[in-house]
PDB file of N, CA and C in Angstrom:
ATOM      1  N   MET A   1    -103.014 -68.656  11.926  1.00  0.00           N
ATOM      2  CA  MET A   1    -101.955 -68.953  12.731  1.00  0.00           C
ATOM      3  C   MET A   1    -101.337 -70.353  12.556  1.00  0.00           C
ATOM      4  N   SER A   2    -100.086 -70.355  12.348  1.00  0.00           N
ATOM      5  CA  SER A   2     -99.407 -71.729  12.022  1.00  0.00           C
ATOM      6  C   SER A   2     -99.534 -72.425  13.329  1.00  0.00           C
ATOM      7  N   LYS A   3     -99.169 -73.793  13.002  1.00  0.00           N
ATOM      8  CA  LYS A   3     -99.175 -75.016  14.125  1.00  0.00           C
ATOM      9  C   LYS A   3     -97.966 -74.668  14.972  1.00  0.00           C
ATOM     10  N   ARG A   4     -96.905 -73.977  14.755  1.00  0.00           N
ATOM     11  CA  ARG A   4     -95.752 -73.701  15.639  1.00  0.00           C
ATOM     12  C   ARG A   4     -96.153 -72.618  16.454  1.00  0.00           C
ATOM     13  N   ASN A   5     -96.825 -71.585  15.894  1.00  0.00           N
ATOM     14  CA  ASN A   5     -97.249 -70.594  16.938  1.00  0.00           C
ATOM     15  C   ASN A   5     -98.367 -70.949  17.873  1.00  0.00           C
ATOM     16  N   VAL A   6     -99.246 -71.940  17.459  1.00  0.00           N
ATOM     17  CA  VAL A   6    -100.356 -72.408  18.504  1.00  0.00           C
ATOM     18  C   VAL A   6     -99.571 -73.243  19.589  1.00  0.00           C
ATOM     19  N   VAL A   7     -98.536 -74.201  19.274  1.00  0.00           N
ATOM     20  CA  VAL A   7     -97.644 -74.833  20.077  1.00  0.00           C
ATOM     21  C   VAL A   7     -97.034 -73.886  21.166  1.00  0.00           C
ATOM     22  N   ALA A   8     -96.497 -72.884  20.816  1.00  0.00           N
ATOM     23  CA  ALA A   8     -95.898 -71.756  21.502  1.00  0.00           C
ATOM     24  C   ALA A   8     -96.711 -71.189  22.381  1.00  0.00           C
ATOM     25  N   VAL A   9     -97.988 -70.735  22.061  1.00  0.00           N
ATOM     26  CA  VAL A   9     -98.641 -69.893  22.813  1.00  0.00           C
ATOM     27  C   VAL A   9     -99.492 -70.920  23.907  1.00  0.00           C
ATOM     28  N   SER A  10     -99.665 -72.046  23.384  1.00  0.00           N
ATOM     29  CA  SER A  10    -100.220 -73.068  24.406  1.00  0.00           C
ATOM     30  C   SER A  10     -99.286 -73.350  25.627  1.00  0.00           C
ATOM     31  N   ALA A  11     -97.992 -73.493  25.194  1.00  0.00           N
ATOM     32  CA  ALA A  11     -96.815 -73.924  26.121  1.00  0.00           C
ATOM     33  C   ALA A  11     -96.831 -72.663  26.959  1.00  0.00           C
ATOM     34  N   PHE A  12     -96.691 -71.475  26.628  1.00  0.00           N
ATOM     35  CA  PHE A  12     -96.550 -70.214  27.522  1.00  0.00           C
ATOM     36  C   PHE A  12     -97.854 -70.127  28.153  1.00  0.00           C
ATOM     37  N   THR A  13     -98.952 -70.339  27.660  1.00  0.00           N
ATOM     38  CA  THR A  13    -100.306 -70.162  28.567  1.00  0.00           C
ATOM     39  C   THR A  13    -100.178 -71.452  29.719  1.00  0.00           C
ATOM     40  N   LEU A  14     -99.954 -72.603  29.412  1.00  0.00           N
ATOM     41  CA  LEU A  14     -99.624 -73.443  30.570  1.00  0.00           C
ATOM     42  C   LEU A  14     -98.716 -73.127  31.677  1.00  0.00           C
ATOM     43  N   VAL A  15     -97.526 -72.674  31.209  1.00  0.00           N
ATOM     44  CA  VAL A  15     -96.442 -72.425  32.293  1.00  0.00           C
ATOM     45  C   VAL A  15     -97.083 -71.335  32.800  1.00  0.00           C
ATOM     46  N   SER A  16     -97.690 -70.319  32.424  1.00  0.00           N
ATOM     47  CA  SER A  16     -98.270 -69.120  33.107  1.00  0.00           C
ATOM     48  C   SER A  16     -99.179 -69.403  33.974  1.00  0.00           C
ATOM     49  N   VAL A  17    -100.321 -70.490  33.605  1.00  0.00           N
ATOM     50  CA  VAL A  17    -101.380 -70.886  34.621  1.00  0.00           C
ATOM     51  C   VAL A  17    -100.787 -71.675  35.822  1.00  0.00           C
ATOM     52  N   PHE A  18     -99.852 -72.583  35.699  1.00  0.00           N
ATOM     53  CA  PHE A  18     -99.046 -73.275  36.442  1.00  0.00           C
ATOM     54  C   PHE A  18     -98.389 -72.451  37.696  1.00  0.00           C
ATOM     55  N   SER A  19     -97.561 -71.426  36.958  1.00  0.00           N
ATOM     56  CA  SER A  19     -96.956 -70.455  37.736  1.00  0.00           C
ATOM     57  C   SER A  19     -97.539 -69.687  38.720  1.00  0.00           C
ATOM     58  N   SER A  20     -98.890 -69.137  38.139  1.00  0.00           N
ATOM     59  CA  SER A  20     -99.725 -68.366  38.935  1.00  0.00           C
ATOM     60  C   SER A  20    -100.426 -69.041  39.961  1.00  0.00           C
ATOM     61  N   ILE A  21    -100.832 -70.349  39.690  1.00  0.00           N
ATOM     62  CA  ILE A  21    -101.251 -71.113  40.712  1.00  0.00           C
ATOM     63  C   ILE A  21    -100.451 -71.215  41.853  1.00  0.00           C
ATOM     64  N   ALA A  22     -99.171 -71.422  41.673  1.00  0.00           N
ATOM     65  CA  ALA A  22     -98.009 -71.603  42.631  1.00  0.00           C
ATOM     66  C   ALA A  22     -97.894 -70.458  43.301  1.00  0.00           C
ATOM     67  N   MET A  23     -97.929 -69.256  42.682  1.00  0.00           N
ATOM     68  CA  MET A  23     -97.642 -67.805  43.358  1.00  0.00           C
ATOM     69  C   MET A  23     -98.744 -67.551  44.196  1.00  0.00           C
ATOM     70  N   ALA A  24     -99.933 -68.093  43.979  1.00  0.00           N
ATOM     71  CA  ALA A  24    -101.148 -67.854  44.669  1.00  0.00           C
ATOM     72  C   ALA A  24    -101.425 -68.525  45.888  1.00  0.00           C
ATOM     73  N   SER A  25    -100.251 -69.448  46.425  1.00  0.00           N
ATOM     74  CA  SER A  25    -100.529 -70.144  47.609  1.00  0.00           C
ATOM     75  C   SER A  25    -100.513 -69.313  48.570  1.00  0.00           C
ATOM     76  N   ASP A  26    -100.739 -69.705  49.691  1.00  0.00           N
ATOM     77  CA  ASP A  26    -101.097 -69.062  51.101  1.00  0.00           C
ATOM     78  C   ASP A  26     -99.852 -68.632  51.712  1.00  0.00           C
ATOM     79  N   GLY A  27     -98.637 -68.682  51.103  1.00  0.00           N
ATOM     80  CA  GLY A  27     -97.476 -68.098  51.712  1.00  0.00           C
ATOM     81  C   GLY A  27     -96.780 -69.034  52.626  1.00  0.00           C
ATOM     82  N   GLY A  28     -97.105 -70.521  52.634  1.00  0.00           N
ATOM     83  CA  GLY A  28     -96.357 -71.335  53.758  1.00  0.00           C
ATOM     84  C   GLY A  28     -97.132 -71.330  54.893  1.00  0.00           C
ATOM     85  N   ALA A  29     -98.503 -71.152  54.870  1.00  0.00           N
ATOM     86  CA  ALA A  29     -99.584 -71.342  56.031  1.00  0.00           C
ATOM     87  C   ALA A  29     -99.834 -72.710  56.083  1.00  0.00           C
ATOM     88  N   SER A  30     -99.823 -73.468  55.091  1.00  0.00           N
ATOM     89  CA  SER A  30    -100.075 -75.008  55.194  1.00  0.00           C
ATOM     90  C   SER A  30     -98.904 -75.585  54.533  1.00  0.00           C
ATOM     91  N   ALA A  31     -98.898 -77.101  54.810  1.00  0.00           N
ATOM     92  CA  ALA A  31     -97.850 -78.085  54.531  1.00  0.00           C
ATOM     93  C   ALA A  31     -97.729 -77.962  53.133  1.00  0.00           C
ATOM     94  N   SER A  32     -98.850 -77.834  52.246  1.00  0.00           N
ATOM     95  CA  SER A  32     -98.881 -78.302  50.872  1.00  0.00           C
ATOM     96  C   SER A  32     -98.498 -77.132  50.107  1.00  0.00           C
ATOM     97  N   SER A  33     -98.301 -75.857  50.590  1.00  0.00           N
ATOM     98  CA  SER A  33     -97.786 -74.694  49.766  1.00  0.00           C
ATOM     99  C   SER A  33     -96.476 -75.004  49.557  1.00  0.00           C
ATOM    100  N   GLY A  34     -95.422 -75.676  50.191  1.00  0.00           N
ATOM    101  CA  GLY A  34     -94.177 -75.918  49.941  1.00  0.00           C
ATOM    102  C   GLY A  34     -93.930 -76.904  48.769  1.00  0.00           C
ATOM    103  N   LEU A  35     -95.015 -77.756  48.587  1.00  0.00           N
ATOM    104  CA  LEU A  35     -94.965 -78.660  47.549  1.00  0.00           C
ATOM    105  C   LEU A  35     -94.907 -78.265  46.094  1.00  0.00           C
ATOM    106  N   TRP A  36     -95.369 -76.853  45.887  1.00  0.00           N
ATOM    107  CA  TRP A  36     -95.596 -76.312  44.486  1.00  0.00           C
ATOM    108  C   TRP A  36     -94.074 -76.358  43.792  1.00  0.00           C
ATOM    109  N   ILE A  37     -92.975 -76.195  44.702  1.00  0.00           N
ATOM    110  CA  ILE A  37     -91.852 -76.123  44.158  1.00  0.00           C
ATOM    111  C   ILE A  37     -91.439 -77.460  43.373  1.00  0.00           C
ATOM    112  N   TYR A  38     -91.842 -78.447  44.011  1.00  0.00           N
ATOM    113  CA  TYR A  38     -91.530 -79.730  43.548  1.00  0.00           C
ATOM    114  C   TYR A  38     -92.271 -79.978  42.263  1.00  0.00           C
ATOM    115  N   PHE A  39     -93.499 -79.379  41.977  1.00  0.00           N
ATOM    116  CA  PHE A  39     -94.366 -79.514  40.920  1.00  0.00           C
ATOM    117  C   PHE A  39     -93.657 -78.732  39.743  1.00  0.00           C
ATOM    118  N   GLY A  40     -93.121 -77.538  40.206  1.00  0.00           N
ATOM    119  CA  GLY A  40     -92.257 -76.743  39.172  1.00  0.00           C
ATOM    120  C   GLY A  40     -91.088 -77.230  38.816  1.00  0.00           C
ATOM    121  N   ILE A  41     -90.464 -78.232  39.625  1.00  0.00           N
ATOM    122  CA  ILE A  41     -89.292 -78.754  39.134  1.00  0.00           C
ATOM    123  C   ILE A  41     -89.415 -79.786  38.167  1.00  0.00           C
ATOM    124  N   ALA A  42     -90.635 -80.610  38.362  1.00  0.00           N
ATOM    125  CA  ALA A  42     -91.004 -81.602  37.244  1.00  0.00           C
ATOM    126  C   ALA A  42     -91.340 -81.165  35.933  1.00  0.00           C
ATOM    127  N   ILE A  43     -92.011 -79.942  36.135  1.00  0.00           N
ATOM    128  CA  ILE A  43     -92.518 -79.288  34.614  1.00  0.00           C
ATOM    129  C   ILE A  43     -91.500 -78.724  34.057  1.00  0.00           C
ATOM    130  N   ALA A  44     -90.375 -78.187  34.811  1.00  0.00           N
ATOM    131  CA  ALA A  44     -89.247 -77.422  34.133  1.00  0.00           C
ATOM    132  C   ALA A  44     -88.557 -78.620  33.697  1.00  0.00           C
ATOM    133  N   CYS A  45     -88.288 -79.775  34.293  1.00  0.00           N
ATOM    134  CA  CYS A  45     -87.409 -80.685  33.894  1.00  0.00           C
ATOM    135  C   CYS A  45     -87.900 -81.360  32.462  1.00  0.00           C
ATOM    136  N   GLY A  46     -89.227 -81.589  32.467  1.00  0.00           N
ATOM    137  CA  GLY A  46     -89.774 -82.079  31.126  1.00  0.00           C
ATOM    138  C   GLY A  46     -89.736 -81.000  30.004  1.00  0.00           C
ATOM    139  N   LEU A  47     -89.951 -79.823  30.213  1.00  0.00           N
ATOM    140  CA  LEU A  47     -89.968 -78.947  29.029  1.00  0.00           C
ATOM    141  C   LEU A  47     -88.371 -78.783  28.757  1.00  0.00           C
ATOM    142  N   ALA A  48     -87.487 -78.755  29.728  1.00  0.00           N
ATOM    143  CA  ALA A  48     -86.057 -78.489  29.386  1.00  0.00           C
ATOM    144  C   ALA A  48     -85.548 -79.764  28.487  1.00  0.00           C
ATOM    145  N   ILE A  49     -85.839 -81.053  28.731  1.00  0.00           N
ATOM    146  CA  ILE A  49     -85.455 -82.016  27.977  1.00  0.00           C
ATOM    147  C   ILE A  49     -86.232 -81.988  26.692  1.00  0.00           C
ATOM    148  N   GLY A  50     -87.423 -81.614  26.484  1.00  0.00           N
ATOM    149  CA  GLY A  50     -88.128 -81.565  25.393  1.00  0.00           C
ATOM    150  C   GLY A  50     -87.451 -80.389  24.405  1.00  0.00           C
ATOM    151  N   ILE A  51     -87.311 -79.393  24.907  1.00  0.00           N
ATOM    152  CA  ILE A  51     -86.601 -78.095  24.213  1.00  0.00           C
ATOM    153  C   ILE A  51     -85.141 -78.623  23.751  1.00  0.00           C
ATOM    154  N   ALA A  52     -84.372 -79.343  24.590  1.00  0.00           N
ATOM    155  CA  ALA A  52     -83.094 -79.698  24.180  1.00  0.00           C
ATOM    156  C   ALA A  52     -82.948 -80.696  23.041  1.00  0.00           C
ATOM    157  N   ALA A  53     -83.857 -81.711  23.277  1.00  0.00           N
ATOM    158  CA  ALA A  53     -84.074 -82.732  22.302  1.00  0.00           C
ATOM    159  C   ALA A  53     -84.677 -82.116  21.016  1.00  0.00           C
ATOM    160  N   PHE A  54     -85.388 -81.269  20.934  1.00  0.00           N
ATOM    161  CA  PHE A  54     -86.020 -80.531  19.607  1.00  0.00           C
ATOM    162  C   PHE A  54     -84.802 -79.745  19.031  1.00  0.00           C
ATOM    163  N   GLY A  55     -84.115 -78.986  19.914  1.00  0.00           N
ATOM    164  CA  GLY A  55     -82.892 -78.237  19.401  1.00  0.00           C
ATOM    165  C   GLY A  55     -81.870 -79.077  18.819  1.00  0.00           C
ATOM    166  N   THR A  56     -81.365 -80.017  19.506  1.00  0.00           N
ATOM    167  CA  THR A  56     -80.284 -80.816  18.922  1.00  0.00           C
ATOM    168  C   THR A  56     -80.693 -81.737  17.703  1.00  0.00           C
ATOM    169  N   GLY A  57     -81.963 -82.018  17.751  1.00  0.00           N
ATOM    170  CA  GLY A  57     -82.556 -82.686  16.450  1.00  0.00           C
ATOM    171  C   GLY A  57     -82.453 -81.799  15.310  1.00  0.00           C
ATOM    172  N   LEU A  58     -83.009 -80.519  15.328  1.00  0.00           N
ATOM    173  CA  LEU A  58     -82.695 -79.617  14.233  1.00  0.00           C
ATOM    174  C   LEU A  58     -81.367 -79.281  14.010  1.00  0.00           C
ATOM    175  N   GLY A  59     -80.436 -79.200  14.954  1.00  0.00           N
ATOM    176  CA  GLY A  59     -78.962 -78.926  14.722  1.00  0.00           C
ATOM    177  C   GLY A  59     -78.385 -80.176  13.908  1.00  0.00           C
ATOM    178  N   MET A  60     -78.746 -81.290  14.488  1.00  0.00           N
ATOM    179  CA  MET A  60     -78.240 -82.398  13.723  1.00  0.00           C
ATOM    180  C   MET A  60     -78.603 -82.795  12.378  1.00  0.00           C
ATOM    181  N   GLY A  61     -79.835 -82.567  12.136  1.00  0.00           N
ATOM    182  CA  GLY A  61     -80.616 -82.416  10.624  1.00  0.00           C
ATOM    183  C   GLY A  61     -79.690 -81.517   9.675  1.00  0.00           C
ATOM    184  N   ASN A  62     -79.589 -80.284  10.269  1.00  0.00           N
ATOM    185  CA  ASN A  62     -78.905 -79.237   9.469  1.00  0.00           C
ATOM    186  C   ASN A  62     -77.356 -79.684   9.114  1.00  0.00           C
ATOM    187  N   ALA A  63     -76.702 -80.127  10.022  1.00  0.00           N
ATOM    188  CA  ALA A  63     -75.491 -80.797   9.786  1.00  0.00           C
ATOM    189  C   ALA A  63     -75.362 -81.787   9.030  1.00  0.00           C
ATOM    190  N   ILE A  64     -76.328 -82.797   9.177  1.00  0.00           N
ATOM    191  CA  ILE A  64     -76.141 -83.833   8.133  1.00  0.00           C
ATOM    192  C   ILE A  64     -76.568 -83.424   6.667  1.00  0.00           C
ATOM    193  N   ASN A  65     -77.664 -82.522   6.545  1.00  0.00           N
ATOM    194  CA  ASN A  65     -77.922 -81.985   5.439  1.00  0.00           C
ATOM    195  C   ASN A  65     -76.427 -81.280   4.580  1.00  0.00           C
ATOM    196  N   GLY A  66     -75.972 -80.373   5.455  1.00  0.00           N
ATOM    197  CA  GLY A  66     -74.905 -79.798   4.962  1.00  0.00           C
ATOM    198  C   GLY A  66     -73.733 -80.857   4.493  1.00  0.00           C
ATOM    199  N   ALA A  67     -73.547 -81.950   5.357  1.00  0.00           N
ATOM    200  CA  ALA A  67     -72.661 -83.168   4.802  1.00  0.00           C
ATOM    201  C   ALA A  67     -72.855 -83.624   3.722  1.00  0.00           C
ATOM    202  N   MET A  68     -74.129 -83.922   3.495  1.00  0.00           N
ATOM    203  CA  MET A  68     -74.644 -84.772   2.189  1.00  0.00           C
ATOM    204  C   MET A  68     -74.495 -83.895   1.196  1.00  0.00           C
ATOM    205  N   GLN A  69     -74.819 -82.494   1.258  1.00  0.00           N
ATOM    206  CA  GLN A  69     -74.602 -81.664   0.083  1.00  0.00           C
ATOM    207  C   GLN A  69     -73.220 -81.474  -0.339  1.00  0.00           C
ATOM    208  N   GLY A  70     -72.271 -81.446   0.775  1.00  0.00           N
ATOM    209  CA  GLY A  70     -70.918 -81.360   0.537  1.00  0.00           C
ATOM    210  C   GLY A  70     -70.280 -82.450  -0.140  1.00  0.00           C
ATOM    211  N   VAL A  71     -70.646 -83.749   0.156  1.00  0.00           N
ATOM    212  CA  VAL A  71     -70.088 -84.839  -0.371  1.00  0.00           C
ATOM    213  C   VAL A  71     -70.855 -85.041  -1.829  1.00  0.00           C
ATOM    214  N   SER A  72     -71.742 -84.654  -2.086  1.00  0.00           N
ATOM    215  CA  SER A  72     -72.644 -84.655  -3.529  1.00  0.00           C
ATOM    216  C   SER A  72     -71.750 -83.618  -4.383  1.00  0.00           C
ATOM    217  N   ARG A  73     -71.313 -82.768  -3.826  1.00  0.00           N
ATOM    218  CA  ARG A  73     -70.553 -81.708  -4.833  1.00  0.00           C
ATOM    219  C   ARG A  73     -69.271 -82.111  -5.015  1.00  0.00           C
ATOM    220  N   ASN A  74     -68.501 -82.775  -3.969  1.00  0.00           N
ATOM    221  CA  ASN A  74     -67.085 -83.015  -3.984  1.00  0.00           C
ATOM    222  C   ASN A  74     -66.931 -84.414  -3.343  1.00  0.00           C
ATOM    223  N   PRO A  75     -67.093 -85.644  -4.206  1.00  0.00           N
ATOM    224  CA  PRO A  75     -67.162 -86.942  -3.571  1.00  0.00           C
ATOM    225  C   PRO A  75     -65.814 -87.205  -2.863  1.00  0.00           C
ATOM    226  N   GLU A  76     -64.644 -86.760  -3.539  1.00  0.00           N
ATOM    227  CA  GLU A  76     -63.279 -87.045  -3.096  1.00  0.00           C
ATOM    228  C   GLU A  76     -63.165 -86.355  -1.458  1.00  0.00           C
ATOM    229  N   ALA A  77     -63.875 -85.649  -1.122  1.00  0.00           N
ATOM    230  CA  ALA A  77     -63.696 -84.950   0.294  1.00  0.00           C
ATOM    231  C   ALA A  77     -64.682 -85.705   1.287  1.00  0.00           C
ATOM    232  N   GLY A  78     -65.070 -86.694   0.777  1.00  0.00           N
ATOM    233  CA  GLY A  78     -66.145 -87.410   1.865  1.00  0.00           C
ATOM    234  C   GLY A  78     -65.436 -87.845   3.108  1.00  0.00           C
ATOM    235  N   GLY A  79     -64.255 -88.298   2.999  1.00  0.00           N
ATOM    236  CA  GLY A  79     -63.668 -88.601   4.254  1.00  0.00           C
ATOM    237  C   GLY A  79     -63.513 -87.692   5.441  1.00  0.00           C
ATOM    238  N   ARG A  80     -63.096 -86.456   4.777  1.00  0.00           N
ATOM    239  CA  ARG A  80     -62.725 -85.488   5.781  1.00  0.00           C
ATOM    240  C   ARG A  80     -64.021 -84.864   6.170  1.00  0.00           C
ATOM    241  N   ILE A  81     -65.033 -84.778   5.341  1.00  0.00           N
ATOM    242  CA  ILE A  81     -66.456 -84.242   5.580  1.00  0.00           C
ATOM    243  C   ILE A  81     -66.885 -85.262   6.673  1.00  0.00           C
ATOM    244  N   PHE A  82     -66.814 -86.517   6.638  1.00  0.00           N
ATOM    245  CA  PHE A  82     -67.330 -87.428   7.614  1.00  0.00           C
ATOM    246  C   PHE A  82     -66.724 -87.214   8.842  1.00  0.00           C
ATOM    247  N   THR A  83     -65.425 -87.198   8.995  1.00  0.00           N
ATOM    248  CA  THR A  83     -64.908 -86.956  10.182  1.00  0.00           C
ATOM    249  C   THR A  83     -65.258 -85.727  10.802  1.00  0.00           C
ATOM    250  N   MET A  84     -65.549 -84.772  10.191  1.00  0.00           N
ATOM    251  CA  MET A  84     -66.035 -83.256  10.726  1.00  0.00           C
ATOM    252  C   MET A  84     -67.350 -83.623  11.124  1.00  0.00           C
ATOM    253  N   LEU A  85     -68.186 -84.203  10.549  1.00  0.00           N
ATOM    254  CA  LEU A  85     -69.724 -84.282  10.659  1.00  0.00           C
ATOM    255  C   LEU A  85     -69.608 -85.236  12.117  1.00  0.00           C
ATOM    256  N   ILE A  86     -68.968 -86.232  12.253  1.00  0.00           N
ATOM    257  CA  ILE A  86     -69.138 -86.928  13.589  1.00  0.00           C
ATOM    258  C   ILE A  86     -68.689 -86.134  14.660  1.00  0.00           C
ATOM    259  N   LEU A  87     -67.542 -85.261  14.378  1.00  0.00           N
ATOM    260  CA  LEU A  87     -67.191 -84.515  15.472  1.00  0.00           C
ATOM    261  C   LEU A  87     -68.128 -83.405  16.001  1.00  0.00           C
ATOM    262  N   GLY A  88     -68.797 -82.903  14.853  1.00  0.00           N
ATOM    263  CA  GLY A  88     -69.864 -81.819  14.995  1.00  0.00           C
ATOM    264  C   GLY A  88     -71.218 -82.549  15.653  1.00  0.00           C
ATOM    265  N   LEU A  89     -71.484 -83.751  15.445  1.00  0.00           N
ATOM    266  CA  LEU A  89     -72.637 -84.478  15.912  1.00  0.00           C
ATOM    267  C   LEU A  89     -72.397 -84.667  17.430  1.00  0.00           C
ATOM    268  N   ALA A  90     -71.150 -85.164  17.774  1.00  0.00           N
ATOM    269  CA  ALA A  90     -70.826 -85.388  19.038  1.00  0.00           C
ATOM    270  C   ALA A  90     -70.934 -84.153  20.016  1.00  0.00           C
ATOM    271  N   LEU A  91     -70.527 -83.121  19.335  1.00  0.00           N
ATOM    272  CA  LEU A  91     -70.462 -81.751  20.157  1.00  0.00           C
ATOM    273  C   LEU A  91     -72.167 -81.401  20.426  1.00  0.00           C
ATOM    274  N   ILE A  92     -72.995 -81.317  19.161  1.00  0.00           N
ATOM    275  CA  ILE A  92     -74.177 -80.938  19.455  1.00  0.00           C
ATOM    276  C   ILE A  92     -75.029 -82.017  20.432  1.00  0.00           C
ATOM    277  N   GLU A  93     -74.726 -83.214  20.350  1.00  0.00           N
ATOM    278  CA  GLU A  93     -75.467 -84.107  21.277  1.00  0.00           C
ATOM    279  C   GLU A  93     -74.949 -83.889  22.543  1.00  0.00           C
ATOM    280  N   SER A  94     -73.702 -83.432  22.896  1.00  0.00           N
ATOM    281  CA  SER A  94     -73.522 -83.151  24.337  1.00  0.00           C
ATOM    282  C   SER A  94     -74.073 -81.903  24.900  1.00  0.00           C
ATOM    283  N   LEU A  95     -74.956 -81.179  24.159  1.00  0.00           N
ATOM    284  CA  LEU A  95     -75.637 -80.260  24.717  1.00  0.00           C
ATOM    285  C   LEU A  95     -77.038 -80.761  25.296  1.00  0.00           C
ATOM    286  N   CYS A  96     -77.435 -81.797  24.601  1.00  0.00           N
ATOM    287  CA  CYS A  96     -78.738 -82.580  25.188  1.00  0.00           C
ATOM    288  C   CYS A  96     -78.411 -83.323  26.308  1.00  0.00           C
ATOM    289  N   ILE A  97     -77.035 -83.924  26.414  1.00  0.00           N
ATOM    290  CA  ILE A  97     -76.706 -84.659  27.397  1.00  0.00           C
ATOM    291  C   ILE A  97     -76.622 -83.642  28.647  1.00  0.00           C
ATOM    292  N   TYR A  98     -76.136 -82.641  28.545  1.00  0.00           N
ATOM    293  CA  TYR A  98     -75.873 -81.660  29.632  1.00  0.00           C
ATOM    294  C   TYR A  98     -77.211 -81.282  29.949  1.00  0.00           C
ATOM    295  N   ALA A  99     -78.349 -81.038  29.373  1.00  0.00           N
ATOM    296  CA  ALA A  99     -79.620 -80.811  29.851  1.00  0.00           C
ATOM    297  C   ALA A  99     -80.138 -82.106  30.676  1.00  0.00           C
ATOM    298  N   LEU A 100     -79.877 -83.190  30.151  1.00  0.00           N
ATOM    299  CA  LEU A 100     -80.284 -84.268  30.906  1.00  0.00           C
ATOM    300  C   LEU A 100     -79.829 -84.488  32.335  1.00  0.00           C
ATOM    301  N   LEU A 101     -78.500 -84.038  32.280  1.00  0.00           N
ATOM    302  CA  LEU A 101     -77.641 -83.953  33.637  1.00  0.00           C
ATOM    303  C   LEU A 101     -78.325 -83.163  34.487  1.00  0.00           C
ATOM    304  N   VAL A 102     -78.509 -82.056  34.192  1.00  0.00           N
ATOM    305  CA  VAL A 102     -79.256 -80.975  35.111  1.00  0.00           C
ATOM    306  C   VAL A 102     -80.559 -81.370  35.315  1.00  0.00           C
ATOM    307  N   CYS A 103     -81.250 -81.780  34.606  1.00  0.00           N
ATOM    308  CA  CYS A 103     -82.670 -82.347  35.155  1.00  0.00           C
ATOM    309  C   CYS A 103     -82.462 -83.608  35.973  1.00  0.00           C
ATOM    310  N   PHE A 104     -81.675 -84.432  35.826  1.00  0.00           N
ATOM    311  CA  PHE A 104     -81.483 -85.530  36.922  1.00  0.00           C
ATOM    312  C   PHE A 104     -81.040 -84.805  38.134  1.00  0.00           C
ATOM    313  N   LEU A 105     -80.298 -83.828  38.211  1.00  0.00           N
ATOM    314  CA  LEU A 105     -79.810 -83.022  39.634  1.00  0.00           C
ATOM    315  C   LEU A 105     -80.918 -82.467  40.064  1.00  0.00           C
ATOM    316  N   MET A 106     -81.910 -81.924  39.231  1.00  0.00           N
ATOM    317  CA  MET A 106     -83.102 -81.237  40.007  1.00  0.00           C
ATOM    318  C   MET A 106     -83.952 -82.354  40.340  1.00  0.00           C
ATOM    319  N   ILE A 107     -84.266 -83.424  39.572  1.00  0.00           N
ATOM    320  CA  ILE A 107     -85.257 -84.492  39.887  1.00  0.00           C
ATOM    321  C   ILE A 107     -85.063 -85.171  41.192  1.00  0.00           C
ATOM    322  N   PHE A 108     -83.670 -85.294  41.412  1.00  0.00           N
ATOM    323  CA  PHE A 108     -83.409 -86.063  42.606  1.00  0.00           C
ATOM    324  C   PHE A 108     -83.436 -84.912  44.000  1.00  0.00           C
ATOM    325  N   LYS A 109     -83.733 -83.781  43.827  1.00  0.00           N
ATOM    326  CA  LYS A 109     -84.262 -82.855  44.688  1.00  0.00           C
ATOM    327  C   LYS A 109     -85.488 -83.063  45.122  1.00  0.00           C
ATOM    328  N   ILE A 110     -86.577 -83.798  44.260  1.00  0.00           N
ATOM    329  CA  ILE A 110     -87.886 -84.066  44.768  1.00  0.00           C
ATOM    330  C   ILE A 110     -87.878 -85.504  45.895  1.00  0.00           C
ATOM    331  N   PRO A 111     -88.375 -85.185  47.027  1.00  0.00           N
ATOM    332  CA  PRO A 111     -88.515 -86.139  47.957  1.00  0.00           C
ATOM    333  C   PRO A 111     -89.527 -87.357  47.668  1.00  0.00           C
ATOM    334  N   ALA A 112     -89.262 -88.227  48.305  1.00  0.00           N
ATOM    335  CA  ALA A 112     -89.937 -89.695  48.107  1.00  0.00           C
ATOM    336  C   ALA A 112     -91.524 -89.384  48.163  1.00  0.00           C
ATOM    337  N   ALA A 113     -92.171 -90.207  47.849  1.00  0.00           N
ATOM    338  CA  ALA A 113     -93.646 -90.101  47.914  1.00  0.00           C
ATOM    339  C   ALA A 113     -94.230 -90.377  49.283  1.00  0.00           C
ATOM    340  N   GLU A 114     -93.525 -91.052  50.206  1.00  0.00           N
ATOM    341  CA  GLU A 114     -93.994 -91.233  51.406  1.00  0.00           C
ATOM    342  C   GLU A 114     -93.699 -89.725  52.422  1.00  0.00           C
ATOM    343  N   GLU A 115     -92.610 -89.264  51.994  1.00  0.00           N
ATOM    344  CA  GLU A 115     -92.529 -87.939  52.719  1.00  0.00           C
ATOM    345  C   GLU A 115     -93.428 -86.709  52.155  1.00  0.00           C
ATOM    346  N   ILE A 116     -93.835 -86.944  51.014  1.00  0.00           N
ATOM    347  CA  ILE A 116     -94.735 -85.877  50.519  1.00  0.00           C
ATOM    348  C   ILE A 116     -96.189 -86.191  51.211  1.00  0.00           C
ATOM    349  N   LEU A 117     -96.538 -87.421  51.246  1.00  0.00           N
ATOM    350  CA  LEU A 117     -97.955 -87.709  51.958  1.00  0.00           C
ATOM    351  C   LEU A 117     -97.692 -87.448  53.206  1.00  0.00           C
ATOM    352  N   LYS A 118     -96.565 -87.460  54.121  1.00  0.00           N
ATOM    353  CA  LYS A 118     -96.580 -87.101  55.391  1.00  0.00           C
ATOM    354  C   LYS A 118     -96.730 -85.623  55.558  1.00  0.00           C
ATOM    355  N   LEU A 119     -96.189 -84.885  54.653  1.00  0.00           N
ATOM    356  CA  LEU A 119     -96.434 -83.383  54.575  1.00  0.00           C
ATOM    357  C   LEU A 119     -97.864 -83.005  54.591  1.00  0.00           C
ATOM    358  N   LEU A 120     -98.438 -83.719  53.571  1.00  0.00           N
ATOM    359  CA  LEU A 120     -99.902 -83.407  53.487  1.00  0.00           C
ATOM    360  C   LEU A 120    -100.925 -83.902  54.486  1.00  0.00           C
ATOM    361  N   GLY A 121    -100.284 -84.651  55.377  1.00  0.00           N
ATOM    362  CA  GLY A 121    -101.212 -85.437  56.550  1.00  0.00           C
ATOM    363  C   GLY A 121    -102.123 -86.416  56.047  1.00  0.00           C
ATOM    364  N   ALA A 122    -101.731 -87.226  54.896  1.00  0.00           N
ATOM    365  CA  ALA A 122    -102.493 -88.232  54.600  1.00  0.00           C
ATOM    366  C   ALA A 122    -102.225 -89.570  55.089  1.00  0.00           C
TER     367      ALA A 122
END
């Protein structure tokens, strides 16, 4: 089994375990059962940013690779290729920024630590 498959299976297993723990809560009978949604938001935001950064990194690497090969084959077209490369990299990076903004919106839904401790009765 390749390292990539091991990481994918491990991530799927962790998400499954955490979601099954959240689903197995007592249905709102205790104050702490509502806190699982905040745990899920934190895990989802971490995974979303990681996946977005990984995807945009691969996309940028492929774009730069294509630009370098194009310039090496036709050096006179370097200026046009560079302009199109910068435009493409900006569009690729915007996808990661959108994921970051969505995660910020979700993270700000998590209450302050004092409110969580009050819910837990500590």
